[in-house]
């Protein structure tokens, strides 16, 4: 059976048989993937207490763009949930020494109580979004921390990096692939300058673009809820920020057709943008990361 190939910018992903496994993080490129896999597969986590998503946000912040995914850190009614997250998410990750590694955020290194965890998450929610800069692509904050400890979803959302046992076709000779690998060599792939390709490679890893496969439906349900207007005028939808005709997000946000205001419509648009050619992908990159990733923005202010 042949599985689909994903192309991101100048990078082309080749997927081998059996690469899609729910909650199995298959990337061998980052140590963090292995540790998150351990957290996801080895822990028996009790059901989380009831909680409310972020209630009050400032537009232009991480918490605003992803409000439906995260637990409110101001309402004391959520304290049972925060204590649960501290006991069953943070402390186990500390025992696995995740928080001590170089790629872990400093904000989560020395948490000693659920209230301190809540404060750290609240701080992340308030971070301002910024536009992407190639020169700073490798200085982005580690978004996995805030998703692991602060989100309703938890750490089970599967990104393209973790979901796919991929290879970058540019970097291999044709004969080096296995017989059942799907080969796809992107246009201009061999012509890209090494330093630029490496920067884009690093950025794609860090942005955590979310897989559009069905096992991420919980993520996409909340993402669509945040993208589209609520219908009762209480939430305008972050889709109002879509401006680029090339990306297509503006079209589905403004559509009056119900079938175009669903999680499936948003997933489809994200997938279409993932597969764009290099020069096309760079033009829409900021909107793709805003609407299709774990980050809600291509760069954050006051990074730690």
Protein backbone atom coordinates (compact mmCIF):
# COMPACT_ATOMS: atom_id res chain seq x y z
CA UNK A 1 0.00 0.00 0.00
CA UNK A 2 1.32 3.40 -0.89
CA UNK A 3 0.89 6.27 1.53
CA UNK A 4 0.71 9.96 0.61
CA UNK A 5 3.71 12.22 0.26
CA UNK A 6 3.70 15.66 1.87
CA UNK A 7 5.72 18.51 0.35
CA UNK A 8 6.48 21.54 2.50
CA UNK A 9 8.18 24.39 0.69
CA UNK A 10 11.47 23.13 -0.70
CA UNK A 11 11.26 20.04 1.50
CA UNK A 12 9.71 16.84 0.28
CA UNK A 13 8.61 14.14 2.68
CA UNK A 14 8.78 10.49 1.68
CA UNK A 15 6.59 8.17 3.70
CA UNK A 16 7.30 4.47 4.13
CA UNK A 17 4.70 1.76 4.70
CA UNK A 18 3.26 1.80 8.21
CA UNK A 19 4.42 5.33 8.99
CA UNK A 20 1.04 6.57 10.17
CA UNK A 21 0.49 5.35 13.72
CA UNK A 22 -1.79 7.14 16.16
CA UNK A 23 0.13 8.77 19.03
CA UNK A 24 3.38 7.09 17.99
CA UNK A 25 5.97 9.77 17.41
CA UNK A 26 8.25 8.39 14.72
CA UNK A 27 10.68 11.19 13.98
CA UNK A 28 14.27 10.33 14.84
CA UNK A 29 15.50 13.85 14.09
CA UNK A 30 14.83 15.39 17.51
CA UNK A 31 15.37 13.97 20.99
CA UNK A 32 12.23 15.77 22.12
CA UNK A 33 10.14 13.52 19.90
CA UNK A 34 11.43 10.43 21.67
CA UNK A 35 10.70 11.86 25.09
CA UNK A 36 7.23 13.00 24.12
CA UNK A 37 6.64 9.52 22.78
CA UNK A 38 7.61 8.10 26.17
CA UNK A 39 5.26 10.48 27.93
CA UNK A 40 2.44 9.60 25.58
CA UNK A 41 2.83 5.83 25.57
CA UNK A 42 4.20 4.89 29.00
CA UNK A 43 1.96 6.89 31.31
CA UNK A 44 -1.45 5.80 32.45
CA UNK A 45 -3.08 9.20 32.91
CA UNK A 46 -6.40 9.46 34.79
CA UNK A 47 -9.18 11.36 33.08
CA UNK A 48 -8.70 15.08 33.44
CA UNK A 49 -11.13 17.09 35.60
CA UNK A 50 -13.56 19.37 33.81
CA UNK A 51 -12.11 22.71 32.72
CA UNK A 52 -12.93 25.87 30.81
CA UNK A 53 -10.93 27.22 27.90
CA UNK A 54 -9.30 30.66 28.00
CA UNK A 55 -12.00 33.25 28.62
CA UNK A 56 -10.33 36.65 28.31
CA UNK A 57 -7.62 37.25 25.74
CA UNK A 58 -5.78 40.11 24.12
CA UNK A 59 -5.87 40.07 20.34
CA UNK A 60 -2.50 39.45 18.77
CA UNK A 61 -1.35 36.96 21.41
CA UNK A 62 -0.72 33.22 21.44
CA UNK A 63 -3.62 32.69 23.84
CA UNK A 64 -6.02 34.60 21.62
CA UNK A 65 -5.18 32.69 18.46
CA UNK A 66 -5.47 29.30 20.18
CA UNK A 67 -7.94 30.06 22.98
CA UNK A 68 -10.16 27.02 22.47
CA UNK A 69 -7.25 24.62 22.95
CA UNK A 70 -6.03 25.89 26.33
CA UNK A 71 -7.24 25.89 29.92
CA UNK A 72 -8.01 29.25 31.48
CA UNK A 73 -5.31 30.21 33.99
CA UNK A 74 -7.26 32.95 35.77
CA UNK A 75 -10.40 31.14 36.91
CA UNK A 76 -9.90 29.34 40.25
CA UNK A 77 -12.62 26.90 39.17
CA UNK A 78 -9.95 25.27 36.99
CA UNK A 79 -7.58 24.59 39.90
CA UNK A 80 -8.48 20.91 40.03
CA UNK A 81 -7.42 20.64 36.41
CA UNK A 82 -4.14 22.50 37.05
CA UNK A 83 -3.32 20.23 39.97
CA UNK A 84 -4.04 17.24 37.72
CA UNK A 85 -1.74 18.60 35.00
CA UNK A 86 1.01 19.17 37.54
CA UNK A 87 0.69 15.65 38.97
CA UNK A 88 0.20 13.69 35.76
CA UNK A 89 1.93 15.75 33.10
CA UNK A 90 4.64 17.92 34.63
CA UNK A 91 6.07 15.66 37.34
CA UNK A 92 6.36 12.60 35.05
CA UNK A 93 8.11 14.71 32.42
CA UNK A 94 10.49 15.93 35.10
CA UNK A 95 11.25 12.34 36.12
CA UNK A 96 12.07 11.62 32.48
CA UNK A 97 14.36 14.68 32.61
CA UNK A 98 12.56 16.35 29.72
CA UNK A 99 12.49 19.73 31.47
CA UNK A 100 16.27 19.67 32.00
CA UNK A 101 17.21 19.29 28.34
CA UNK A 102 18.56 22.12 26.25
CA UNK A 103 15.50 22.43 24.01
CA UNK A 104 13.02 22.72 26.90
CA UNK A 105 11.73 26.18 27.72
CA UNK A 106 13.32 27.92 30.70
CA UNK A 107 9.83 28.90 31.86
CA UNK A 108 9.05 25.30 32.79
CA UNK A 109 12.34 24.17 34.34
CA UNK A 110 11.71 24.80 38.03
CA UNK A 111 7.99 24.38 38.62
CA UNK A 112 7.25 23.39 42.23
CA UNK A 113 3.46 23.60 42.44
CA UNK A 114 0.34 23.60 40.31
CA UNK A 115 -0.06 27.35 40.87
CA UNK A 116 3.44 27.95 39.50
CA UNK A 117 2.57 25.81 36.49
CA UNK A 118 -0.58 27.84 35.99
CA UNK A 119 1.41 31.09 36.12
CA UNK A 120 3.93 29.79 33.57
CA UNK A 121 1.11 28.86 31.19
CA UNK A 122 -0.59 32.21 31.69
CA UNK A 123 2.67 33.91 30.72
CA UNK A 124 2.83 31.93 27.48
CA UNK A 125 -0.75 32.81 26.65
CA UNK A 126 0.17 36.50 26.74
CA UNK A 127 3.08 36.30 24.30
CA UNK A 128 2.68 38.56 21.30
CA UNK A 129 2.68 37.09 17.81
CA UNK A 130 5.23 38.27 15.27
CA UNK A 131 5.92 37.71 11.60
CA UNK A 132 8.41 35.09 10.48
CA UNK A 133 12.03 36.04 9.91
CA UNK A 134 14.31 33.53 8.18
CA UNK A 135 17.32 34.81 10.10
CA UNK A 136 15.62 34.02 13.43
CA UNK A 137 13.97 30.76 12.41
CA UNK A 138 16.08 28.69 14.78
CA UNK A 139 15.39 30.89 17.82
CA UNK A 140 11.71 30.12 18.24
CA UNK A 141 10.22 29.08 21.59
CA UNK A 142 9.56 25.42 22.17
CA UNK A 143 5.80 25.13 21.67
CA UNK A 144 5.66 21.55 22.89
CA UNK A 145 5.96 22.65 26.51
CA UNK A 146 2.88 24.83 26.55
CA UNK A 147 0.87 22.18 24.70
CA UNK A 148 2.03 19.43 27.03
CA UNK A 149 1.26 21.19 30.29
CA UNK A 150 -1.41 23.79 29.52
CA UNK A 151 -3.70 22.43 26.83
CA UNK A 152 -7.00 20.61 26.98
CA UNK A 153 -5.74 18.47 24.09
CA UNK A 154 -2.59 17.39 25.90
CA UNK A 155 0.47 16.08 24.11
CA UNK A 156 -1.24 13.65 21.76
CA UNK A 157 -1.65 16.00 18.78
CA UNK A 158 0.43 14.55 15.95
CA UNK A 159 2.46 16.92 13.82
CA UNK A 160 3.91 16.23 10.39
CA UNK A 161 7.32 15.91 11.99
CA UNK A 162 6.14 13.28 14.46
CA UNK A 163 3.54 11.61 12.29
CA UNK A 164 5.65 10.77 9.28
CA UNK A 165 8.74 8.64 8.93
CA UNK A 166 9.91 10.96 6.21
CA UNK A 167 13.07 11.62 4.29
CA UNK A 168 14.08 14.78 2.48
CA UNK A 169 14.36 13.70 -1.13
CA UNK A 170 16.85 16.46 -1.92
CA UNK A 171 19.42 14.87 0.34
CA UNK A 172 19.41 11.34 -1.07
CA UNK A 173 20.39 9.59 -4.25
CA UNK A 174 17.50 7.77 -5.91
CA UNK A 175 18.98 4.35 -5.22
CA UNK A 176 19.12 4.96 -1.47
CA UNK A 177 15.36 4.71 -1.01
CA UNK A 178 13.60 1.50 -0.06
CA UNK A 179 11.48 -0.18 -2.71
CA UNK A 180 8.19 0.70 -1.00
CA UNK A 181 9.09 4.34 -0.31
CA UNK A 182 7.21 6.93 -2.30
CA UNK A 183 9.63 9.24 -4.07
CA UNK A 184 8.77 12.82 -4.84
CA UNK A 185 11.46 15.29 -5.83
CA UNK A 186 10.24 18.85 -5.61
CA UNK A 187 10.69 21.40 -8.34
CA UNK A 188 13.88 23.44 -7.82
CA UNK A 189 14.83 21.05 -5.02
CA UNK A 190 18.38 20.54 -6.23
CA UNK A 191 18.77 24.22 -7.02
CA UNK A 192 18.05 25.51 -3.51
CA UNK A 193 21.06 26.90 -1.69
CA UNK A 194 22.12 24.66 1.19
CA UNK A 195 21.95 27.32 3.90
CA UNK A 196 18.47 28.47 2.91
CA UNK A 197 17.16 24.91 2.70
CA UNK A 198 18.60 24.09 6.12
CA UNK A 199 16.96 27.16 7.65
CA UNK A 200 13.62 26.21 6.16
CA UNK A 201 14.14 22.64 7.33
CA UNK A 202 14.71 23.83 10.91
CA UNK A 203 11.76 26.18 10.76
CA UNK A 204 9.37 23.51 9.50
CA UNK A 205 10.39 21.28 12.42
CA UNK A 206 9.84 24.03 14.94
CA UNK A 207 6.55 25.33 13.62
CA UNK A 208 4.80 22.03 14.29
CA UNK A 209 2.40 21.97 11.40
CA UNK A 210 -0.43 19.63 12.35
CA UNK A 211 -1.22 16.49 10.38
CA UNK A 212 -4.60 16.57 8.66
CA UNK A 213 -5.20 12.86 9.25
CA UNK A 214 -8.36 11.88 11.14
CA UNK A 215 -6.62 10.98 14.40
CA UNK A 216 -6.13 14.72 14.94
CA UNK A 217 -9.85 15.45 14.71
CA UNK A 218 -10.00 16.81 18.27
CA UNK A 219 -7.38 19.39 17.38
CA UNK A 220 -9.12 20.35 14.14
CA UNK A 221 -12.52 20.65 15.82
CA UNK A 222 -11.13 23.23 18.24
CA UNK A 223 -9.06 24.86 15.52
CA UNK A 224 -12.12 25.34 13.33
CA UNK A 225 -14.05 26.72 16.30
CA UNK A 226 -11.35 29.34 16.72
CA UNK A 227 -10.96 30.04 13.01
CA UNK A 228 -14.61 30.72 12.16
CA UNK A 229 -16.94 33.25 13.76
CA UNK A 230 -19.19 31.83 16.49
CA UNK A 231 -22.48 33.00 14.97
CA UNK A 232 -23.61 34.73 18.17
CA UNK A 233 -21.23 37.69 17.79
CA UNK A 234 -19.24 36.62 20.87
CA UNK A 235 -16.25 35.44 18.81
CA UNK A 236 -15.21 36.96 15.49
CA UNK A 237 -12.84 34.15 14.54
CA UNK A 238 -9.12 34.47 13.87
CA UNK A 239 -9.89 33.75 10.22
CA UNK A 240 -10.64 37.44 9.90
CA UNK A 241 -6.86 37.91 9.81
CA UNK A 242 -6.60 36.00 6.54
CA UNK A 243 -5.60 38.42 3.78
CA UNK A 244 -3.78 36.40 1.12
CA UNK A 245 -5.68 35.24 -1.95
CA UNK A 246 -2.98 32.62 -2.62
CA UNK A 247 -3.50 30.88 0.73
CA UNK A 248 -7.27 30.54 0.37
CA UNK A 249 -8.11 30.95 4.06
CA UNK A 250 -9.83 34.23 3.36
CA UNK A 251 -12.27 32.49 1.03
CA UNK A 252 -13.45 29.83 3.46
CA UNK A 253 -13.71 32.34 6.31
CA UNK A 254 -15.95 34.70 4.36
CA UNK A 255 -17.99 31.96 2.67
CA UNK A 256 -21.70 31.83 3.47
CA UNK A 257 -21.84 28.12 2.63
CA UNK A 258 -22.09 25.91 5.71
CA UNK A 259 -19.99 23.16 4.09
CA UNK A 260 -17.10 25.62 3.82
CA UNK A 261 -17.18 26.54 7.52
CA UNK A 262 -16.18 23.18 8.95
CA UNK A 263 -13.09 21.46 10.28
CA UNK A 264 -12.89 19.50 7.02
CA UNK A 265 -12.77 22.70 4.98
CA UNK A 266 -10.00 24.09 7.19
CA UNK A 267 -8.03 20.82 7.07
CA UNK A 268 -8.32 20.71 3.30
CA UNK A 269 -7.04 24.26 2.94
CA UNK A 270 -4.09 23.55 5.24
CA UNK A 271 -3.20 20.41 3.29
CA UNK A 272 -3.35 22.31 -0.01
CA UNK A 273 -0.90 24.87 1.34
CA UNK A 274 1.45 22.22 2.77
CA UNK A 275 1.87 20.88 -0.78
CA UNK A 276 2.72 24.16 -2.48
CA UNK A 277 5.93 24.61 -4.44
CA UNK A 278 8.81 26.41 -2.66
CA UNK A 279 8.23 29.88 -4.04
CA UNK A 280 4.48 29.62 -3.44
CA UNK A 281 4.85 28.24 0.08
CA UNK A 282 7.06 31.10 1.23
CA UNK A 283 4.40 33.62 0.21
CA UNK A 284 1.71 32.02 2.37
CA UNK A 285 3.92 30.78 5.20
CA UNK A 286 2.73 33.21 7.88
CA UNK A 287 -0.94 32.38 7.37
CA UNK A 288 -0.28 28.63 7.17
CA UNK A 289 1.49 28.69 10.52
CA UNK A 290 -1.20 30.89 12.06
CA UNK A 291 -4.08 28.64 11.04
CA UNK A 292 -2.53 25.15 10.75
CA UNK A 293 0.09 24.78 13.47
CA UNK A 294 0.51 24.29 17.20
CA UNK A 295 2.03 27.76 17.43
CA UNK A 296 -0.71 30.09 16.24
CA UNK A 297 1.96 32.37 14.80
CA UNK A 298 5.22 31.99 12.94
CA UNK A 299 7.14 33.75 15.68
CA UNK A 300 6.50 34.92 19.23
CA UNK A 301 7.76 37.92 21.15
CA UNK A 302 9.65 37.68 24.45
CA UNK A 303 10.78 34.14 23.69
CA UNK A 304 12.25 31.92 26.39
